All heavy atoms as atom14 arrays in JSON, in Angstrom:
{
  "sequence": "IAPEQIQSTYELIAPFVRRTPVIEVDASDFGMRPARLTLKLEQL",
  "atom14_mask": [
    [1, 1, 1, 1, 1, 1, 1, 1, 0, 0, 0, 0, 0, 0],
    [1, 1, 1, 1, 1, 0, 0, 0, 0, 0, 0, 0, 0, 0],
    [1, 1, 1, 1, 1, 1, 1, 0, 0, 0, 0, 0, 0, 0],
    [1, 1, 1, 1, 1, 1, 1, 1, 1, 0, 0, 0, 0, 0],
    [1, 1, 1, 1, 1, 1, 1, 1, 1, 0, 0, 0, 0, 0],
    [1, 1, 1, 1, 1, 1, 1, 1, 0, 0, 0, 0, 0, 0],
    [1, 1, 1, 1, 1, 1, 1, 1, 1, 0, 0, 0, 0, 0],
    [1, 1, 1, 1, 1, 1, 0, 0, 0, 0, 0, 0, 0, 0],
    [1, 1, 1, 1, 1, 1, 1, 0, 0, 0, 0, 0, 0, 0],
    [1, 1, 1, 1, 1, 1, 1, 1, 1, 1, 1, 1, 0, 0],
    [1, 1, 1, 1, 1, 1, 1, 1, 1, 0, 0, 0, 0, 0],
    [1, 1, 1, 1, 1, 1, 1, 1, 0, 0, 0, 0, 0, 0],
    [1, 1, 1, 1, 1, 1, 1, 1, 0, 0, 0, 0, 0, 0],
    [1, 1, 1, 1, 1, 0, 0, 0, 0, 0, 0, 0, 0, 0],
    [1, 1, 1, 1, 1, 1, 1, 0, 0, 0, 0, 0, 0, 0],
    [1, 1, 1, 1, 1, 1, 1, 1, 1, 1, 1, 0, 0, 0],
    [1, 1, 1, 1, 1, 1, 1, 0, 0, 0, 0, 0, 0, 0],
    [1, 1, 1, 1, 1, 1, 1, 1, 1, 1, 1, 0, 0, 0],
    [1, 1, 1, 1, 1, 1, 1, 1, 1, 1, 1, 0, 0, 0],
    [1, 1, 1, 1, 1, 1, 1, 0, 0, 0, 0, 0, 0, 0],
    [1, 1, 1, 1, 1, 1, 1, 0, 0, 0, 0, 0, 0, 0],
    [1, 1, 1, 1, 1, 1, 1, 0, 0, 0, 0, 0, 0, 0],
    [1, 1, 1, 1, 1, 1, 1, 1, 0, 0, 0, 0, 0, 0],
    [1, 1, 1, 1, 1, 1, 1, 1, 1, 0, 0, 0, 0, 0],
    [1, 1, 1, 1, 1, 1, 1, 0, 0, 0, 0, 0, 0, 0],
    [1, 1, 1, 1, 1, 1, 1, 1, 0, 0, 0, 0, 0, 0],
    [1, 1, 1, 1, 1, 0, 0, 0, 0, 0, 0, 0, 0, 0],
    [1, 1, 1, 1, 1, 1, 0, 0, 0, 0, 0, 0, 0, 0],
    [1, 1, 1, 1, 1, 1, 1, 1, 0, 0, 0, 0, 0, 0],
    [1, 1, 1, 1, 1, 1, 1, 1, 1, 1, 1, 0, 0, 0],
    [1, 1, 1, 1, 0, 0, 0, 0, 0, 0, 0, 0, 0, 0],
    [1, 1, 1, 1, 1, 1, 1, 1, 0, 0, 0, 0, 0, 0],
    [1, 1, 1, 1, 1, 1, 1, 1, 1, 1, 1, 0, 0, 0],
    [1, 1, 1, 1, 1, 1, 1, 0, 0, 0, 0, 0, 0, 0],
    [1, 1, 1, 1, 1, 0, 0, 0, 0, 0, 0, 0, 0, 0],
    [1, 1, 1, 1, 1, 1, 1, 1, 1, 1, 1, 0, 0, 0],
    [1, 1, 1, 1, 1, 1, 1, 1, 0, 0, 0, 0, 0, 0],
    [1, 1, 1, 1, 1, 1, 1, 0, 0, 0, 0, 0, 0, 0],
    [1, 1, 1, 1, 1, 1, 1, 1, 0, 0, 0, 0, 0, 0],
    [1, 1, 1, 1, 1, 1, 1, 1, 1, 0, 0, 0, 0, 0],
    [1, 1, 1, 1, 1, 1, 1, 1, 0, 0, 0, 0, 0, 0],
    [1, 1, 1, 1, 1, 1, 1, 1, 1, 0, 0, 0, 0, 0],
    [1, 1, 1, 1, 1, 1, 1, 1, 1, 0, 0, 0, 0, 0],
    [1, 1, 1, 1, 1, 1, 1, 1, 0, 0, 0, 0, 0, 0]
  ],
  "atom14_positions": [
    [[4.78, 17.86, -4.63], [3.61, 17.31, -5.25], [2.44, 17.82, -4.6], [2.15, 17.62, -3.43], [3.6, 15.8, -5.34], [4.86, 15.31, -6.15], [2.36, 15.29, -5.99], [4.98, 13.81, -6.07], [0.0, 0.0, 0.0], [0.0, 0.0, 0.0], [0.0, 0.0, 0.0], [0.0, 0.0, 0.0], [0.0, 0.0, 0.0], [0.0, 0.0, 0.0]],
    [[1.49, 18.47, -5.33], [0.27, 19.04, -4.78], [-0.76, 17.9, -4.65], [-0.83, 16.99, -5.42], [-0.21, 20.19, -5.67], [0.0, 0.0, 0.0], [0.0, 0.0, 0.0], [0.0, 0.0, 0.0], [0.0, 0.0, 0.0], [0.0, 0.0, 0.0], [0.0, 0.0, 0.0], [0.0, 0.0, 0.0], [0.0, 0.0, 0.0], [0.0, 0.0, 0.0]],
    [[-1.68, 18.07, -3.66], [-2.76, 17.1, -3.53], [-3.6, 16.95, -4.76], [-4.07, 15.84, -5.13], [-3.57, 17.64, -2.35], [-2.57, 18.44, -1.57], [-1.67, 18.96, -2.55], [0.0, 0.0, 0.0], [0.0, 0.0, 0.0], [0.0, 0.0, 0.0], [0.0, 0.0, 0.0], [0.0, 0.0, 0.0], [0.0, 0.0, 0.0], [0.0, 0.0, 0.0]],
    [[-3.69, 18.0, -5.5], [-4.52, 18.02, -6.71], [-3.89, 17.1, -7.78], [-4.56, 16.41, -8.53], [-4.74, 19.35, -7.32], [-5.47, 20.36, -6.42], [-4.62, 20.95, -5.26], [-3.39, 20.95, -5.37], [-5.27, 21.31, -4.3], [0.0, 0.0, 0.0], [0.0, 0.0, 0.0], [0.0, 0.0, 0.0], [0.0, 0.0, 0.0], [0.0, 0.0, 0.0]],
    [[-2.54, 17.13, -7.81], [-1.85, 16.22, -8.75], [-2.05, 14.72, -8.4], [-2.17, 13.91, -9.25], [-0.33, 16.55, -8.75], [0.04, 17.87, -9.39], [1.51, 18.12, -9.15], [1.96, 18.39, -8.04], [2.25, 18.13, -10.27], [0.0, 0.0, 0.0], [0.0, 0.0, 0.0], [0.0, 0.0, 0.0], [0.0, 0.0, 0.0], [0.0, 0.0, 0.0]],
    [[-2.05, 14.46, -7.09], [-2.27, 13.1, -6.69], [-3.63, 12.64, -7.07], [-3.87, 11.54, -7.62], [-2.01, 12.96, -5.17], [-0.62, 13.23, -4.81], [-2.5, 11.59, -4.64], [-0.27, 13.37, -3.36], [0.0, 0.0, 0.0], [0.0, 0.0, 0.0], [0.0, 0.0, 0.0], [0.0, 0.0, 0.0], [0.0, 0.0, 0.0], [0.0, 0.0, 0.0]],
    [[-4.64, 13.52, -6.83], [-6.06, 13.12, -7.18], [-6.18, 12.96, -8.68], [-6.89, 12.02, -9.11], [-6.98, 14.26, -6.67], [-8.42, 13.97, -6.93], [-8.94, 12.71, -6.23], [-8.57, 12.41, -5.1], [-9.78, 11.97, -6.84], [0.0, 0.0, 0.0], [0.0, 0.0, 0.0], [0.0, 0.0, 0.0], [0.0, 0.0, 0.0], [0.0, 0.0, 0.0]],
    [[-5.61, 13.81, -9.48], [-5.79, 13.7, -10.92], [-5.07, 12.44, -11.42], [-5.58, 11.79, -12.39], [-5.26, 15.03, -11.62], [-3.93, 15.15, -11.51], [0.0, 0.0, 0.0], [0.0, 0.0, 0.0], [0.0, 0.0, 0.0], [0.0, 0.0, 0.0], [0.0, 0.0, 0.0], [0.0, 0.0, 0.0], [0.0, 0.0, 0.0], [0.0, 0.0, 0.0]],
    [[-3.93, 12.13, -10.92], [-3.26, 10.86, -11.31], [-4.09, 9.69, -10.88], [-4.24, 8.67, -11.65], [-1.88, 10.76, -10.72], [-1.07, 11.91, -11.14], [-1.15, 9.51, -11.07], [0.0, 0.0, 0.0], [0.0, 0.0, 0.0], [0.0, 0.0, 0.0], [0.0, 0.0, 0.0], [0.0, 0.0, 0.0], [0.0, 0.0, 0.0], [0.0, 0.0, 0.0]],
    [[-4.63, 9.7, -9.71], [-5.48, 8.64, -9.29], [-6.67, 8.41, -10.31], [-6.94, 7.3, -10.7], [-6.02, 8.86, -7.88], [-7.11, 7.92, -7.43], [-6.84, 6.64, -7.0], [-8.48, 8.23, -7.56], [-7.81, 5.76, -6.63], [-9.55, 7.39, -7.22], [-9.21, 6.16, -6.8], [-10.16, 5.23, -6.45], [0.0, 0.0, 0.0], [0.0, 0.0, 0.0]],
    [[-7.31, 9.51, -10.64], [-8.43, 9.38, -11.52], [-8.02, 8.89, -12.92], [-8.76, 8.12, -13.54], [-9.18, 10.75, -11.62], [-9.85, 11.14, -10.38], [-10.3, 12.61, -10.3], [-10.14, 13.31, -11.39], [-10.86, 13.05, -9.33], [0.0, 0.0, 0.0], [0.0, 0.0, 0.0], [0.0, 0.0, 0.0], [0.0, 0.0, 0.0], [0.0, 0.0, 0.0]],
    [[-6.84, 9.25, -13.35], [-6.32, 8.84, -14.65], [-6.07, 7.24, -14.7], [-6.39, 6.64, -15.64], [-5.01, 9.6, -14.92], [-4.35, 9.4, -16.24], [-5.16, 9.97, -17.35], [-2.96, 9.97, -16.19], [0.0, 0.0, 0.0], [0.0, 0.0, 0.0], [0.0, 0.0, 0.0], [0.0, 0.0, 0.0], [0.0, 0.0, 0.0], [0.0, 0.0, 0.0]],
    [[-5.43, 6.78, -13.66], [-5.03, 5.35, -13.66], [-6.05, 4.38, -13.07], [-5.95, 3.18, -13.27], [-3.67, 5.09, -13.0], [-3.66, 5.4, -11.54], [-2.57, 5.96, -13.7], [-2.39, 5.11, -10.81], [0.0, 0.0, 0.0], [0.0, 0.0, 0.0], [0.0, 0.0, 0.0], [0.0, 0.0, 0.0], [0.0, 0.0, 0.0], [0.0, 0.0, 0.0]],
    [[-7.0, 4.95, -12.34], [-8.01, 4.06, -11.65], [-8.61, 3.01, -12.51], [-8.76, 1.85, -12.01], [-9.06, 4.92, -10.99], [0.0, 0.0, 0.0], [0.0, 0.0, 0.0], [0.0, 0.0, 0.0], [0.0, 0.0, 0.0], [0.0, 0.0, 0.0], [0.0, 0.0, 0.0], [0.0, 0.0, 0.0], [0.0, 0.0, 0.0], [0.0, 0.0, 0.0]],
    [[-9.0, 3.23, -13.72], [-9.68, 2.24, -14.56], [-8.71, 1.05, -14.86], [-9.16, 0.0, -15.26], [-10.08, 2.93, -15.84], [-10.07, 4.35, -15.53], [-8.99, 4.57, -14.42], [0.0, 0.0, 0.0], [0.0, 0.0, 0.0], [0.0, 0.0, 0.0], [0.0, 0.0, 0.0], [0.0, 0.0, 0.0], [0.0, 0.0, 0.0], [0.0, 0.0, 0.0]],
    [[-7.39, 1.2, -14.73], [-6.46, 0.18, -15.2], [-5.78, -0.54, -14.09], [-5.06, -1.55, -14.39], [-5.38, 0.96, -16.04], [-5.94, 1.79, -17.12], [-5.97, 3.17, -17.06], [-6.55, 1.16, -18.18], [-6.54, 3.89, -18.07], [-7.15, 1.96, -19.23], [-7.06, 3.31, -19.15], [0.0, 0.0, 0.0], [0.0, 0.0, 0.0], [0.0, 0.0, 0.0]],
    [[-5.84, -0.1, -12.88], [-5.1, -0.76, -11.76], [-6.06, -1.33, -10.72], [-7.17, -0.92, -10.59], [-4.09, 0.21, -11.09], [-3.03, 0.65, -12.05], [-4.78, 1.33, -10.48], [0.0, 0.0, 0.0], [0.0, 0.0, 0.0], [0.0, 0.0, 0.0], [0.0, 0.0, 0.0], [0.0, 0.0, 0.0], [0.0, 0.0, 0.0], [0.0, 0.0, 0.0]],
    [[-5.59, -2.31, -10.06], [-6.4, -2.92, -9.02], [-6.21, -2.16, -7.72], [-5.05, -1.68, -7.42], [-5.97, -4.42, -8.76], [-6.29, -5.3, -9.9], [-5.82, -6.67, -9.64], [-6.23, -7.58, -10.75], [-5.63, -8.63, -11.04], [-4.54, -9.04, -10.42], [-6.06, -9.39, -12.05], [0.0, 0.0, 0.0], [0.0, 0.0, 0.0], [0.0, 0.0, 0.0]],
    [[-7.18, -2.11, -6.87], [-7.06, -1.56, -5.52], [-6.48, -2.73, -4.7], [-7.07, -3.81, -4.61], [-8.37, -1.13, -4.96], [-8.83, 0.18, -5.59], [-10.03, 0.66, -4.86], [-9.58, 1.04, -3.54], [-10.03, 2.05, -2.85], [-10.87, 2.86, -3.33], [-9.6, 2.29, -1.62], [0.0, 0.0, 0.0], [0.0, 0.0, 0.0], [0.0, 0.0, 0.0]],
    [[-5.27, -2.57, -4.19], [-4.56, -3.58, -3.45], [-4.73, -3.36, -1.96], [-4.72, -2.21, -1.52], [-3.18, -3.73, -3.85], [-2.5, -2.41, -3.69], [-3.04, -4.13, -5.33], [0.0, 0.0, 0.0], [0.0, 0.0, 0.0], [0.0, 0.0, 0.0], [0.0, 0.0, 0.0], [0.0, 0.0, 0.0], [0.0, 0.0, 0.0], [0.0, 0.0, 0.0]],
    [[-4.86, -4.42, -1.15], [-5.05, -4.27, 0.24], [-3.76, -3.83, 0.97], [-2.66, -4.1, 0.51], [-5.47, -5.63, 0.71], [-4.97, -6.57, -0.27], [-4.85, -5.88, -1.62], [0.0, 0.0, 0.0], [0.0, 0.0, 0.0], [0.0, 0.0, 0.0], [0.0, 0.0, 0.0], [0.0, 0.0, 0.0], [0.0, 0.0, 0.0], [0.0, 0.0, 0.0]],
    [[-4.02, -3.24, 2.12], [-2.94, -2.91, 3.12], [-3.25, -3.8, 4.3], [-4.33, -3.93, 4.82], [-2.98, -1.46, 3.53], [-1.99, -1.17, 4.61], [-2.75, -0.54, 2.32], [0.0, 0.0, 0.0], [0.0, 0.0, 0.0], [0.0, 0.0, 0.0], [0.0, 0.0, 0.0], [0.0, 0.0, 0.0], [0.0, 0.0, 0.0], [0.0, 0.0, 0.0]],
    [[-2.14, -4.54, 4.77], [-2.32, -5.39, 5.9], [-1.32, -5.0, 7.0], [-0.25, -4.44, 6.64], [-2.24, -6.93, 5.57], [-0.82, -7.25, 5.01], [-3.35, -7.3, 4.64], [-0.61, -8.72, 4.92], [0.0, 0.0, 0.0], [0.0, 0.0, 0.0], [0.0, 0.0, 0.0], [0.0, 0.0, 0.0], [0.0, 0.0, 0.0], [0.0, 0.0, 0.0]],
    [[-1.52, -5.38, 8.23], [-0.58, -5.18, 9.3], [-0.16, -6.53, 9.81], [-1.07, -7.41, 10.03], [-1.22, -4.31, 10.45], [-1.42, -2.88, 9.95], [-1.81, -1.95, 11.09], [-2.0, -2.45, 12.27], [-1.99, -0.78, 10.85], [0.0, 0.0, 0.0], [0.0, 0.0, 0.0], [0.0, 0.0, 0.0], [0.0, 0.0, 0.0], [0.0, 0.0, 0.0]],
    [[1.08, -6.72, 10.04], [1.62, -7.98, 10.53], [2.6, -7.65, 11.63], [3.14, -6.56, 11.73], [2.21, -8.85, 9.43], [1.19, -9.28, 8.4], [3.38, -8.14, 8.78], [0.0, 0.0, 0.0], [0.0, 0.0, 0.0], [0.0, 0.0, 0.0], [0.0, 0.0, 0.0], [0.0, 0.0, 0.0], [0.0, 0.0, 0.0], [0.0, 0.0, 0.0]],
    [[2.97, -8.66, 12.39], [4.05, -8.52, 13.37], [5.34, -8.98, 12.81], [5.42, -10.05, 12.21], [3.69, -9.28, 14.65], [4.54, -8.91, 15.84], [5.82, -8.94, 15.67], [4.01, -8.56, 16.87], [0.0, 0.0, 0.0], [0.0, 0.0, 0.0], [0.0, 0.0, 0.0], [0.0, 0.0, 0.0], [0.0, 0.0, 0.0], [0.0, 0.0, 0.0]],
    [[6.39, -8.18, 12.95], [7.68, -8.5, 12.39], [8.23, -9.84, 13.01], [9.01, -10.52, 12.33], [8.67, -7.33, 12.59], [0.0, 0.0, 0.0], [0.0, 0.0, 0.0], [0.0, 0.0, 0.0], [0.0, 0.0, 0.0], [0.0, 0.0, 0.0], [0.0, 0.0, 0.0], [0.0, 0.0, 0.0], [0.0, 0.0, 0.0], [0.0, 0.0, 0.0]],
    [[7.79, -10.12, 14.19], [8.31, -11.42, 14.78], [7.84, -12.6, 13.99], [8.46, -13.68, 14.09], [7.84, -11.51, 16.24], [6.43, -11.6, 16.33], [0.0, 0.0, 0.0], [0.0, 0.0, 0.0], [0.0, 0.0, 0.0], [0.0, 0.0, 0.0], [0.0, 0.0, 0.0], [0.0, 0.0, 0.0], [0.0, 0.0, 0.0], [0.0, 0.0, 0.0]],
    [[6.77, -12.49, 13.16], [6.33, -13.6, 12.36], [7.35, -13.9, 11.25], [7.33, -14.96, 10.66], [5.03, -13.3, 11.65], [3.9, -13.16, 12.6], [3.97, -13.67, 13.72], [2.82, -12.51, 12.28], [0.0, 0.0, 0.0], [0.0, 0.0, 0.0], [0.0, 0.0, 0.0], [0.0, 0.0, 0.0], [0.0, 0.0, 0.0], [0.0, 0.0, 0.0]],
    [[8.31, -12.94, 11.08], [9.35, -13.13, 10.05], [10.81, -13.29, 10.7], [11.76, -13.05, 9.99], [9.33, -11.95, 9.07], [8.03, -11.8, 8.37], [7.08, -10.86, 8.84], [7.69, -12.62, 7.3], [5.84, -10.76, 8.18], [6.46, -12.5, 6.68], [5.53, -11.55, 7.16], [0.0, 0.0, 0.0], [0.0, 0.0, 0.0], [0.0, 0.0, 0.0]],
    [[10.8, -13.55, 11.98], [12.03, -13.74, 12.66], [12.8, -12.51, 13.11], [13.91, -12.52, 13.46], [0.0, 0.0, 0.0], [0.0, 0.0, 0.0], [0.0, 0.0, 0.0], [0.0, 0.0, 0.0], [0.0, 0.0, 0.0], [0.0, 0.0, 0.0], [0.0, 0.0, 0.0], [0.0, 0.0, 0.0], [0.0, 0.0, 0.0], [0.0, 0.0, 0.0]],
    [[12.07, -11.39, 13.05], [12.67, -10.1, 13.5], [12.12, -9.77, 14.88], [11.24, -10.43, 15.39], [12.34, -8.99, 12.49], [12.82, -9.32, 11.11], [12.5, -7.99, 9.91], [10.82, -8.08, 9.6], [0.0, 0.0, 0.0], [0.0, 0.0, 0.0], [0.0, 0.0, 0.0], [0.0, 0.0, 0.0], [0.0, 0.0, 0.0], [0.0, 0.0, 0.0]],
    [[12.66, -8.7, 15.5], [12.18, -8.4, 16.8], [10.72, -7.78, 16.62], [10.39, -7.22, 15.58], [13.12, -7.36, 17.45], [13.14, -6.05, 16.95], [14.05, -5.16, 17.78], [14.38, -4.08, 16.83], [15.56, -3.61, 16.62], [16.59, -4.09, 17.32], [15.77, -2.66, 15.69], [0.0, 0.0, 0.0], [0.0, 0.0, 0.0], [0.0, 0.0, 0.0]],
    [[9.91, -7.94, 17.61], [8.51, -7.5, 17.52], [8.32, -6.06, 17.11], [8.99, -5.18, 17.71], [7.91, -7.81, 18.84], [8.84, -8.85, 19.47], [10.16, -8.58, 18.9], [0.0, 0.0, 0.0], [0.0, 0.0, 0.0], [0.0, 0.0, 0.0], [0.0, 0.0, 0.0], [0.0, 0.0, 0.0], [0.0, 0.0, 0.0], [0.0, 0.0, 0.0]],
    [[7.54, -5.86, 16.17], [7.21, -4.5, 15.67], [6.04, -4.63, 14.72], [5.88, -5.69, 14.01], [8.41, -3.79, 14.98], [0.0, 0.0, 0.0], [0.0, 0.0, 0.0], [0.0, 0.0, 0.0], [0.0, 0.0, 0.0], [0.0, 0.0, 0.0], [0.0, 0.0, 0.0], [0.0, 0.0, 0.0], [0.0, 0.0, 0.0], [0.0, 0.0, 0.0]],
    [[5.27, -3.58, 14.59], [4.08, -3.62, 13.66], [4.64, -3.26, 12.27], [5.23, -2.22, 12.1], [3.07, -2.75, 14.09], [1.81, -2.78, 13.26], [0.75, -1.89, 13.69], [1.18, -0.48, 13.18], [0.63, 0.57, 13.54], [-0.45, 0.63, 14.33], [1.04, 1.73, 13.04], [0.0, 0.0, 0.0], [0.0, 0.0, 0.0], [0.0, 0.0, 0.0]],
    [[4.38, -4.05, 11.28], [4.71, -3.75, 9.89], [3.4, -3.56, 9.1], [2.42, -4.32, 9.3], [5.45, -4.94, 9.26], [6.81, -5.32, 9.81], [7.37, -6.54, 9.12], [7.78, -4.19, 9.77], [0.0, 0.0, 0.0], [0.0, 0.0, 0.0], [0.0, 0.0, 0.0], [0.0, 0.0, 0.0], [0.0, 0.0, 0.0], [0.0, 0.0, 0.0]],
    [[3.4, -2.5, 8.28], [2.28, -2.24, 7.41], [2.73, -2.57, 5.97], [3.7, -2.01, 5.51], [1.83, -0.82, 7.55], [1.52, -0.46, 8.88], [0.62, -0.57, 6.67], [0.0, 0.0, 0.0], [0.0, 0.0, 0.0], [0.0, 0.0, 0.0], [0.0, 0.0, 0.0], [0.0, 0.0, 0.0], [0.0, 0.0, 0.0], [0.0, 0.0, 0.0]],
    [[2.02, -3.49, 5.34], [2.4, -3.9, 4.03], [1.31, -3.59, 2.99], [0.11, -3.89, 3.23], [2.65, -5.44, 4.02], [3.63, -5.96, 5.03], [3.72, -7.5, 4.96], [5.01, -5.4, 4.74], [0.0, 0.0, 0.0], [0.0, 0.0, 0.0], [0.0, 0.0, 0.0], [0.0, 0.0, 0.0], [0.0, 0.0, 0.0], [0.0, 0.0, 0.0]],
    [[1.69, -3.08, 1.91], [0.75, -2.75, 0.73], [1.04, -3.91, -0.24], [2.11, -4.07, -0.79], [1.05, -1.36, 0.1], [0.21, -1.06, -1.02], [-1.03, -0.37, -0.61], [-1.75, 0.3, -1.83], [-3.02, -0.31, -2.09], [0.0, 0.0, 0.0], [0.0, 0.0, 0.0], [0.0, 0.0, 0.0], [0.0, 0.0, 0.0], [0.0, 0.0, 0.0]],
    [[-0.02, -4.72, -0.54], [0.19, -5.91, -1.34], [0.11, -5.59, -2.82], [-0.76, -6.14, -3.52], [-0.83, -6.97, -0.9], [-0.79, -7.34, 0.62], [-1.86, -8.43, 0.86], [0.6, -7.78, 1.02], [0.0, 0.0, 0.0], [0.0, 0.0, 0.0], [0.0, 0.0, 0.0], [0.0, 0.0, 0.0], [0.0, 0.0, 0.0], [0.0, 0.0, 0.0]],
    [[1.09, -4.88, -3.33], [1.14, -4.54, -4.78], [1.43, -5.69, -5.59], [1.28, -5.64, -6.81], [2.16, -3.42, -4.98], [1.72, -2.12, -4.43], [0.5, -1.56, -5.17], [0.59, -1.36, -6.44], [-0.52, -1.33, -4.51], [0.0, 0.0, 0.0], [0.0, 0.0, 0.0], [0.0, 0.0, 0.0], [0.0, 0.0, 0.0], [0.0, 0.0, 0.0]],
    [[1.89, -6.83, -5.08], [2.16, -8.03, -5.91], [0.83, -8.59, -6.44], [0.8, -9.4, -7.35], [2.87, -9.11, -5.16], [2.1, -9.84, -4.12], [2.04, -9.22, -2.73], [2.31, -8.0, -2.56], [1.76, -10.0, -1.7], [0.0, 0.0, 0.0], [0.0, 0.0, 0.0], [0.0, 0.0, 0.0], [0.0, 0.0, 0.0], [0.0, 0.0, 0.0]],
    [[-0.25, -8.06, -6.0], [-1.58, -8.48, -6.48], [-2.0, -7.65, -7.76], [-3.05, -7.92, -8.32], [-2.67, -8.37, -5.4], [-2.43, -9.24, -4.18], [-3.49, -8.93, -3.15], [-2.33, -10.68, -4.55], [0.0, 0.0, 0.0], [0.0, 0.0, 0.0], [0.0, 0.0, 0.0], [0.0, 0.0, 0.0], [0.0, 0.0, 0.0], [0.0, 0.0, 0.0]]
  ]
}
């Protein structure tokens, strides 16, 4: 996939989708061994 394809798709769908946040949490908050987790909150 070329960067131009990503950009054109972004421009195509941007009016219809929400920009969702990315957050960082510690895996130990979920009972796992400590590690940084990056989550994209697409459920929004």
